[in-house]
Amino acid sequence: MDDLVSRLLVAFKLDPSVAAVAIGLAVAAMALVLFVLFVDDLNLQAVDVKESEADEWALEAAIPREIWESSSVRERPTPIAVVQFANKLHIHPAIVAGRIRFERKNFRMLSHYVGRGEIRRHFTQ
């Protein structure tokens, strides 16, 4: 592997420090692409135990189950109820809206609380 890197440095007349940065950026970009493709795929049907545990942990960390299950915002998710509940827990309303949207599998409701294409625009060029 080191021999291959050496040959590439010579072939492209790269300074080793510039090459290290370029390689680091390339690896980071590939990791990010894999993360987005794997983690952000809402259409995945396979149930992975670790993935399920991670989902449960994330739900519990943002809004504890006891608080969520006893909240009125679950039954009546009005914009005012979302903001009041978020303020009570000191979290952003987008977290509450996202939880409601996820549980109801209705990703159109409360859409003004979550960014539309905000993440995607950072990755398109």
N, C-alpha and C. Protein backbone atom coordinates (compact mmCIF):
# COMPACT_ATOMS: atom_id res chain seq x y z
N MET A 1 0.82 -1.19 0.00
CA MET A 1 0.00 0.00 0.00
C MET A 1 0.86 1.26 0.00
N ASP A 2 1.93 1.26 0.85
CA ASP A 2 2.82 2.41 0.89
C ASP A 2 3.49 2.64 -0.46
N ASP A 3 3.84 1.53 -1.15
CA ASP A 3 4.46 1.64 -2.46
C ASP A 3 3.50 2.29 -3.45
N LEU A 4 2.24 1.92 -3.40
CA LEU A 4 1.23 2.50 -4.29
C LEU A 4 1.10 4.00 -4.02
N VAL A 5 1.03 4.39 -2.76
CA VAL A 5 0.92 5.81 -2.40
C VAL A 5 2.15 6.56 -2.88
N SER A 6 3.33 5.98 -2.70
CA SER A 6 4.57 6.63 -3.17
C SER A 6 4.53 6.85 -4.67
N ARG A 7 4.10 5.84 -5.41
CA ARG A 7 4.05 5.96 -6.86
C ARG A 7 3.04 7.03 -7.28
N LEU A 8 1.91 7.10 -6.58
CA LEU A 8 0.91 8.13 -6.90
C LEU A 8 1.44 9.53 -6.61
N LEU A 9 2.18 9.68 -5.52
CA LEU A 9 2.76 10.98 -5.19
C LEU A 9 3.72 11.43 -6.29
N VAL A 10 4.53 10.52 -6.77
CA VAL A 10 5.48 10.84 -7.83
C VAL A 10 4.74 11.12 -9.14
N ALA A 11 3.77 10.27 -9.46
CA ALA A 11 3.05 10.42 -10.73
C ALA A 11 2.30 11.74 -10.81
N PHE A 12 1.70 12.16 -9.70
CA PHE A 12 0.92 13.40 -9.73
C PHE A 12 1.67 14.59 -9.16
N LYS A 13 2.98 14.37 -8.85
CA LYS A 13 3.85 15.43 -8.33
C LYS A 13 3.21 16.14 -7.14
N LEU A 14 2.72 15.33 -6.19
CA LEU A 14 2.05 15.88 -5.02
C LEU A 14 3.00 15.95 -3.84
N ASP A 15 2.90 17.01 -3.11
CA ASP A 15 3.60 17.14 -1.85
C ASP A 15 2.94 16.16 -0.87
N PRO A 16 3.69 15.43 -0.07
CA PRO A 16 3.08 14.45 0.85
C PRO A 16 2.03 15.04 1.78
N SER A 17 2.22 16.28 2.26
CA SER A 17 1.21 16.87 3.16
C SER A 17 -0.08 17.18 2.41
N VAL A 18 0.03 17.62 1.15
CA VAL A 18 -1.16 17.88 0.34
C VAL A 18 -1.87 16.56 0.05
N ALA A 19 -1.11 15.53 -0.23
CA ALA A 19 -1.70 14.22 -0.51
C ALA A 19 -2.43 13.69 0.72
N ALA A 20 -1.84 13.88 1.90
CA ALA A 20 -2.48 13.40 3.13
C ALA A 20 -3.82 14.09 3.35
N VAL A 21 -3.87 15.38 3.10
CA VAL A 21 -5.13 16.12 3.24
C VAL A 21 -6.14 15.63 2.21
N ALA A 22 -5.69 15.44 0.97
CA ALA A 22 -6.59 14.97 -0.09
C ALA A 22 -7.14 13.59 0.23
N ILE A 23 -6.28 12.71 0.71
CA ILE A 23 -6.73 11.35 1.06
C ILE A 23 -7.71 11.42 2.22
N GLY A 24 -7.40 12.23 3.22
CA GLY A 24 -8.30 12.39 4.36
C GLY A 24 -9.67 12.90 3.94
N LEU A 25 -9.68 13.89 3.06
CA LEU A 25 -10.95 14.43 2.57
C LEU A 25 -11.72 13.38 1.76
N ALA A 26 -11.02 12.61 0.96
CA ALA A 26 -11.68 11.58 0.16
C ALA A 26 -12.29 10.51 1.06
N VAL A 27 -11.56 10.09 2.07
CA VAL A 27 -12.08 9.08 3.00
C VAL A 27 -13.29 9.63 3.75
N ALA A 28 -13.21 10.88 4.21
CA ALA A 28 -14.33 11.49 4.91
C ALA A 28 -15.55 11.60 4.01
N ALA A 29 -15.34 11.97 2.76
CA ALA A 29 -16.46 12.09 1.82
C ALA A 29 -17.11 10.73 1.57
N MET A 30 -16.30 9.69 1.43
CA MET A 30 -16.86 8.35 1.22
C MET A 30 -17.63 7.90 2.44
N ALA A 31 -17.12 8.18 3.63
CA ALA A 31 -17.81 7.80 4.86
C ALA A 31 -19.14 8.53 4.96
N LEU A 32 -19.15 9.80 4.60
CA LEU A 32 -20.38 10.58 4.65
C LEU A 32 -21.41 10.05 3.67
N VAL A 33 -20.98 9.72 2.47
CA VAL A 33 -21.90 9.16 1.47
C VAL A 33 -22.49 7.84 1.97
N LEU A 34 -21.65 6.98 2.52
CA LEU A 34 -22.14 5.71 3.05
C LEU A 34 -23.10 5.94 4.20
N PHE A 35 -22.80 6.91 5.06
CA PHE A 35 -23.69 7.23 6.19
C PHE A 35 -25.05 7.68 5.68
N VAL A 36 -25.04 8.61 4.72
CA VAL A 36 -26.31 9.13 4.19
C VAL A 36 -27.09 8.02 3.50
N LEU A 37 -26.42 7.20 2.72
CA LEU A 37 -27.11 6.12 2.01
C LEU A 37 -27.68 5.09 2.96
N PHE A 38 -26.95 4.75 4.02
CA PHE A 38 -27.40 3.71 4.94
C PHE A 38 -28.36 4.24 6.00
N VAL A 39 -27.96 5.30 6.69
CA VAL A 39 -28.73 5.78 7.83
C VAL A 39 -29.98 6.52 7.40
N ASP A 40 -29.90 7.23 6.31
CA ASP A 40 -31.01 8.09 5.93
C ASP A 40 -32.00 7.39 5.00
N ASP A 41 -31.90 6.09 4.83
CA ASP A 41 -32.81 5.37 3.95
C ASP A 41 -34.05 4.96 4.73
N LEU A 42 -35.11 5.77 4.62
CA LEU A 42 -36.35 5.50 5.35
C LEU A 42 -37.11 4.33 4.75
N ASN A 43 -36.68 3.84 3.60
CA ASN A 43 -37.38 2.74 2.96
C ASN A 43 -36.80 1.38 3.31
N LEU A 44 -35.77 1.34 4.17
CA LEU A 44 -35.20 0.06 4.56
C LEU A 44 -36.25 -0.79 5.25
N GLN A 45 -36.39 -2.03 4.82
CA GLN A 45 -37.40 -2.92 5.38
C GLN A 45 -36.80 -3.93 6.36
N ALA A 46 -35.53 -4.25 6.19
CA ALA A 46 -34.90 -5.24 7.05
C ALA A 46 -34.81 -4.71 8.48
N VAL A 47 -35.10 -5.58 9.43
CA VAL A 47 -35.04 -5.18 10.83
C VAL A 47 -33.73 -5.69 11.42
N ASP A 48 -32.89 -4.78 11.78
CA ASP A 48 -31.61 -5.10 12.39
C ASP A 48 -31.74 -4.80 13.88
N VAL A 49 -31.33 -5.74 14.71
CA VAL A 49 -31.46 -5.58 16.15
C VAL A 49 -30.72 -4.33 16.63
N LYS A 50 -29.48 -4.15 16.17
CA LYS A 50 -28.71 -2.98 16.59
C LYS A 50 -29.36 -1.69 16.12
N GLU A 51 -29.88 -1.71 14.91
CA GLU A 51 -30.55 -0.51 14.38
C GLU A 51 -31.78 -0.19 15.20
N SER A 52 -32.55 -1.21 15.56
CA SER A 52 -33.74 -1.00 16.39
C SER A 52 -33.38 -0.45 17.76
N GLU A 53 -32.31 -1.00 18.35
CA GLU A 53 -31.85 -0.50 19.65
C GLU A 53 -31.40 0.95 19.54
N ALA A 54 -30.71 1.28 18.47
CA ALA A 54 -30.25 2.66 18.27
C ALA A 54 -31.44 3.60 18.10
N ASP A 55 -32.45 3.17 17.37
CA ASP A 55 -33.66 3.99 17.19
C ASP A 55 -34.33 4.24 18.53
N GLU A 56 -34.47 3.18 19.33
CA GLU A 56 -35.10 3.30 20.65
C GLU A 56 -34.30 4.25 21.55
N TRP A 57 -32.98 4.10 21.52
CA TRP A 57 -32.14 4.96 22.35
C TRP A 57 -32.30 6.42 21.93
N ALA A 58 -32.32 6.67 20.64
CA ALA A 58 -32.45 8.05 20.15
C ALA A 58 -33.80 8.64 20.55
N LEU A 59 -34.85 7.85 20.43
CA LEU A 59 -36.18 8.32 20.84
C LEU A 59 -36.21 8.65 22.33
N GLU A 60 -35.66 7.78 23.12
CA GLU A 60 -35.64 7.94 24.58
C GLU A 60 -34.77 9.12 25.00
N ALA A 61 -33.65 9.32 24.32
CA ALA A 61 -32.73 10.40 24.68
C ALA A 61 -33.35 11.77 24.43
N ALA A 62 -34.08 11.90 23.36
CA ALA A 62 -34.68 13.20 23.01
C ALA A 62 -35.91 13.49 23.87
N ILE A 63 -36.79 12.50 23.96
CA ILE A 63 -38.04 12.67 24.73
C ILE A 63 -38.27 11.38 25.51
N PRO A 64 -38.08 11.41 26.82
CA PRO A 64 -38.29 10.20 27.61
C PRO A 64 -39.69 9.60 27.41
N ARG A 65 -39.75 8.29 27.34
CA ARG A 65 -40.98 7.57 27.03
C ARG A 65 -42.14 7.95 27.95
N GLU A 66 -41.90 8.02 29.26
CA GLU A 66 -42.99 8.33 30.20
C GLU A 66 -43.59 9.70 29.90
N ILE A 67 -42.73 10.66 29.62
CA ILE A 67 -43.20 12.01 29.32
C ILE A 67 -43.96 12.02 28.00
N TRP A 68 -43.41 11.32 27.00
CA TRP A 68 -44.04 11.30 25.68
C TRP A 68 -45.41 10.64 25.74
N GLU A 69 -45.49 9.49 26.40
CA GLU A 69 -46.76 8.75 26.43
C GLU A 69 -47.85 9.47 27.21
N SER A 70 -47.48 10.33 28.14
CA SER A 70 -48.50 11.05 28.91
C SER A 70 -48.79 12.44 28.34
N SER A 71 -48.14 12.80 27.25
CA SER A 71 -48.33 14.15 26.70
C SER A 71 -49.58 14.22 25.82
N SER A 72 -50.20 15.38 25.85
CA SER A 72 -51.39 15.59 25.01
C SER A 72 -51.02 15.91 23.56
N VAL A 73 -49.77 16.29 23.33
CA VAL A 73 -49.35 16.65 21.97
C VAL A 73 -49.44 15.44 21.03
N ARG A 74 -49.34 14.23 21.56
CA ARG A 74 -49.45 13.03 20.72
C ARG A 74 -50.84 12.91 20.11
N GLU A 75 -51.87 13.26 20.90
CA GLU A 75 -53.25 13.13 20.41
C GLU A 75 -53.69 14.34 19.60
N ARG A 76 -53.23 15.51 20.02
CA ARG A 76 -53.61 16.75 19.34
C ARG A 76 -52.34 17.52 18.98
N PRO A 77 -51.69 17.15 17.89
CA PRO A 77 -50.41 17.79 17.53
C PRO A 77 -50.58 19.12 16.81
N THR A 78 -51.13 20.09 17.52
CA THR A 78 -51.27 21.42 16.93
C THR A 78 -49.93 22.15 17.02
N PRO A 79 -49.74 23.15 16.18
CA PRO A 79 -48.48 23.91 16.25
C PRO A 79 -48.22 24.49 17.64
N ILE A 80 -49.25 25.00 18.29
CA ILE A 80 -49.06 25.56 19.63
C ILE A 80 -48.66 24.48 20.62
N ALA A 81 -49.31 23.31 20.54
CA ALA A 81 -48.99 22.21 21.44
C ALA A 81 -47.55 21.73 21.23
N VAL A 82 -47.11 21.69 19.98
CA VAL A 82 -45.74 21.27 19.68
C VAL A 82 -44.74 22.23 20.32
N VAL A 83 -44.95 23.51 20.16
CA VAL A 83 -44.03 24.51 20.72
C VAL A 83 -44.04 24.47 22.24
N GLN A 84 -45.22 24.37 22.84
CA GLN A 84 -45.31 24.33 24.31
C GLN A 84 -44.60 23.09 24.86
N PHE A 85 -44.80 21.95 24.24
CA PHE A 85 -44.17 20.71 24.69
C PHE A 85 -42.65 20.80 24.54
N ALA A 86 -42.20 21.33 23.41
CA ALA A 86 -40.77 21.49 23.17
C ALA A 86 -40.15 22.43 24.20
N ASN A 87 -40.82 23.53 24.48
CA ASN A 87 -40.32 24.48 25.47
C ASN A 87 -40.23 23.84 26.86
N LYS A 88 -41.22 23.03 27.20
CA LYS A 88 -41.24 22.35 28.50
C LYS A 88 -40.01 21.45 28.66
N LEU A 89 -39.60 20.79 27.57
CA LEU A 89 -38.46 19.87 27.62
C LEU A 89 -37.14 20.54 27.23
N HIS A 90 -37.20 21.82 26.87
CA HIS A 90 -36.00 22.57 26.44
C HIS A 90 -35.36 21.92 25.21
N ILE A 91 -36.20 21.57 24.24
CA ILE A 91 -35.72 21.02 22.98
C ILE A 91 -36.33 21.82 21.84
N HIS A 92 -35.83 21.62 20.66
CA HIS A 92 -36.35 22.35 19.49
C HIS A 92 -37.68 21.73 19.06
N PRO A 93 -38.64 22.54 18.62
CA PRO A 93 -39.93 22.01 18.15
C PRO A 93 -39.79 21.01 17.00
N ALA A 94 -38.71 21.10 16.23
CA ALA A 94 -38.51 20.15 15.13
C ALA A 94 -38.37 18.72 15.65
N ILE A 95 -37.82 18.56 16.86
CA ILE A 95 -37.68 17.22 17.43
C ILE A 95 -39.06 16.64 17.74
N VAL A 96 -39.91 17.46 18.32
CA VAL A 96 -41.28 17.02 18.64
C VAL A 96 -42.04 16.74 17.35
N ALA A 97 -41.96 17.65 16.40
CA ALA A 97 -42.65 17.47 15.12
C ALA A 97 -42.15 16.22 14.41
N GLY A 98 -40.85 16.00 14.44
CA GLY A 98 -40.28 14.81 13.80
C GLY A 98 -40.77 13.53 14.44
N ARG A 99 -40.89 13.54 15.76
CA ARG A 99 -41.37 12.35 16.47
C ARG A 99 -42.82 12.05 16.10
N ILE A 100 -43.64 13.08 16.04
CA ILE A 100 -45.04 12.91 15.66
C ILE A 100 -45.13 12.40 14.22
N ARG A 101 -44.38 13.01 13.34
CA ARG A 101 -44.40 12.62 11.93
C ARG A 101 -43.95 11.17 11.77
N PHE A 102 -42.92 10.79 12.51
CA PHE A 102 -42.39 9.43 12.43
C PHE A 102 -43.42 8.42 12.95
N GLU A 103 -43.99 8.69 14.11
CA GLU A 103 -44.96 7.75 14.69
C GLU A 103 -46.21 7.60 13.82
N ARG A 104 -46.65 8.68 13.25
CA ARG A 104 -47.86 8.62 12.43
C ARG A 104 -47.57 8.25 10.97
N LYS A 105 -46.30 8.17 10.63
CA LYS A 105 -45.88 7.90 9.24
C LYS A 105 -46.51 8.91 8.28
N ASN A 106 -46.65 10.12 8.77
CA ASN A 106 -47.20 11.21 7.98
C ASN A 106 -46.15 12.32 7.95
N PHE A 107 -45.36 12.34 6.89
CA PHE A 107 -44.24 13.26 6.82
C PHE A 107 -44.60 14.59 6.16
N ARG A 108 -45.89 14.80 5.99
CA ARG A 108 -46.37 16.09 5.48
C ARG A 108 -46.83 17.00 6.62
N MET A 109 -47.30 16.40 7.71
CA MET A 109 -47.82 17.22 8.80
C MET A 109 -46.68 17.92 9.55
N LEU A 110 -46.99 19.09 10.05
CA LEU A 110 -46.04 19.90 10.82
C LEU A 110 -44.74 20.16 10.05
N SER A 111 -44.83 20.20 8.76
CA SER A 111 -43.63 20.32 7.93
C SER A 111 -42.93 21.68 8.09
N HIS A 112 -43.66 22.69 8.58
CA HIS A 112 -43.01 23.99 8.74
C HIS A 112 -41.99 24.00 9.89
N TYR A 113 -41.98 22.94 10.71
CA TYR A 113 -41.00 22.85 11.79
C TYR A 113 -39.70 22.17 11.37
N VAL A 114 -39.75 21.44 10.30
CA VAL A 114 -38.56 20.74 9.84
C VAL A 114 -38.13 21.33 8.51
N GLY A 115 -36.83 21.36 8.28
CA GLY A 115 -36.32 21.94 7.05
C GLY A 115 -36.70 21.11 5.84
N ARG A 116 -37.04 21.77 4.80
CA ARG A 116 -37.36 21.07 3.54
C ARG A 116 -36.14 21.15 2.65
N GLY A 117 -35.44 20.04 2.54
CA GLY A 117 -34.25 20.00 1.70
C GLY A 117 -33.05 20.72 2.29
N GLU A 118 -33.13 21.08 3.58
CA GLU A 118 -32.04 21.82 4.20
C GLU A 118 -30.76 20.99 4.26
N ILE A 119 -30.86 19.73 4.59
CA ILE A 119 -29.68 18.87 4.66
C ILE A 119 -29.17 18.59 3.25
N ARG A 120 -30.08 18.22 2.37
CA ARG A 120 -29.71 17.85 1.00
C ARG A 120 -28.96 18.96 0.29
N ARG A 121 -29.34 20.20 0.51
CA ARG A 121 -28.69 21.30 -0.24
C ARG A 121 -27.22 21.44 0.12
N HIS A 122 -26.81 20.93 1.27
CA HIS A 122 -25.40 21.00 1.66
C HIS A 122 -24.56 19.96 0.93
N PHE A 123 -25.21 18.98 0.30
CA PHE A 123 -24.48 17.90 -0.35
C PHE A 123 -24.61 17.89 -1.86
N THR A 124 -25.37 18.82 -2.43
CA THR A 124 -25.51 18.85 -3.88
C THR A 124 -24.63 19.96 -4.46
N GLN A 125 -23.94 19.61 -5.52
CA GLN A 125 -23.12 20.60 -6.22
C GLN A 125 -22.93 20.17 -7.63
